[in-house]
Amino acid sequence: MFKTLDVVVLVRDLPSEGLKGGDLGAIVEVYGPDKYDVEFVAASGRTQALVTLSADDIRAVDDRDLVSVRHLEKAAG
């Protein structure tokens, strides 16, 4: 189970939100053992998406993960 402020990795694309598998997010609310509000932000700090996800949609960050930057296809707004 994840807890508030954990950094997590999205495991599938969410095209409607402009997100791709591998994007990093932070848990901002925990609704139970399987539902989380996760915030995804642009490198500037602007919120790209705030979505409710299940534990199957995210995973913990691993020491083998490398952080990178990509251009958004669709900016929030």
Protein backbone atom coordinates (compact mmCIF):
# COMPACT_ATOMS: atom_id res chain seq x y z
CA MET A 1 0.00 0.00 0.00
CA PHE A 2 1.23 3.47 -0.87
CA LYS A 3 1.06 6.46 1.47
CA THR A 4 0.63 10.20 1.01
CA LEU A 5 3.59 11.91 -0.74
CA ASP A 6 5.06 8.67 -2.10
CA VAL A 7 6.52 9.15 -5.57
CA VAL A 8 5.13 6.55 -7.97
CA VAL A 9 5.50 5.51 -11.60
CA LEU A 10 2.51 5.33 -13.96
CA VAL A 11 2.45 1.90 -15.63
CA ARG A 12 0.09 2.67 -18.53
CA ASP A 13 -0.64 5.54 -20.88
CA LEU A 14 -3.47 7.95 -20.02
CA PRO A 15 -3.80 9.86 -23.32
CA SER A 16 -6.78 11.92 -22.16
CA GLU A 17 -4.54 13.39 -19.43
CA GLY A 18 -1.42 13.75 -21.61
CA LEU A 19 0.36 11.08 -19.55
CA LYS A 20 2.49 8.12 -20.62
CA GLY A 21 3.62 5.01 -18.81
CA GLY A 22 6.82 5.85 -16.96
CA ASP A 23 5.70 9.34 -15.90
CA LEU A 24 6.35 10.14 -12.22
CA GLY A 25 3.60 11.31 -9.92
CA ALA A 26 3.07 11.89 -6.22
CA ILE A 27 0.32 10.40 -4.07
CA VAL A 28 -1.71 13.32 -2.69
CA GLU A 29 -4.66 11.41 -1.20
CA VAL A 30 -5.23 7.82 -0.13
CA TYR A 31 -8.81 6.50 -0.30
CA GLY A 32 -8.12 2.96 0.83
CA PRO A 33 -5.87 0.08 -0.04
CA ASP A 34 -6.48 0.41 -3.79
CA LYS A 35 -7.48 4.02 -4.66
CA TYR A 36 -5.18 7.01 -4.81
CA ASP A 37 -5.22 10.57 -6.08
CA VAL A 38 -1.95 11.06 -7.93
CA GLU A 39 -0.63 14.43 -9.10
CA PHE A 40 1.59 14.62 -12.17
CA VAL A 41 3.50 17.87 -12.72
CA ALA A 42 5.51 19.43 -15.55
CA ALA A 43 9.16 20.20 -14.85
CA SER A 44 8.11 23.83 -14.22
CA GLY A 45 5.92 22.69 -11.31
CA ARG A 46 2.60 23.23 -13.13
CA THR A 47 0.09 20.46 -12.50
CA GLN A 48 -0.44 18.42 -15.65
CA ALA A 49 -3.01 16.04 -14.19
CA LEU A 50 -4.62 15.02 -10.94
CA VAL A 51 -6.18 11.60 -11.37
CA THR A 52 -7.65 8.88 -9.19
CA LEU A 53 -5.86 5.62 -9.89
CA SER A 54 -5.84 2.08 -8.58
CA ALA A 55 -2.80 0.24 -7.29
CA ASP A 56 -2.68 -1.63 -10.64
CA ASP A 57 -2.05 1.69 -12.46
CA ILE A 58 1.08 2.64 -10.50
CA ARG A 59 4.20 1.11 -9.05
CA ALA A 60 6.88 2.15 -6.60
CA VAL A 61 10.01 3.88 -7.85
CA ASP A 62 12.93 1.47 -8.22
CA ASP A 63 16.67 2.14 -7.90
CA ARG A 64 17.00 1.13 -11.57
CA ASP A 65 14.60 3.89 -12.73
CA LEU A 66 16.15 6.86 -14.51
CA VAL A 67 14.40 10.23 -14.54
CA SER A 68 14.16 11.99 -17.91
CA VAL A 69 12.28 14.87 -19.53
CA ARG A 70 9.87 14.74 -22.47
CA HIS A 71 7.74 17.36 -24.18
CA LEU A 72 4.02 17.12 -23.53
CA GLU A 73 1.90 16.37 -26.56
CA LYS A 74 -1.06 18.10 -24.89
CA ALA A 75 -0.68 20.65 -22.14
CA ALA A 76 -3.31 20.74 -19.40
CA GLY A 77 -5.71 23.59 -19.48
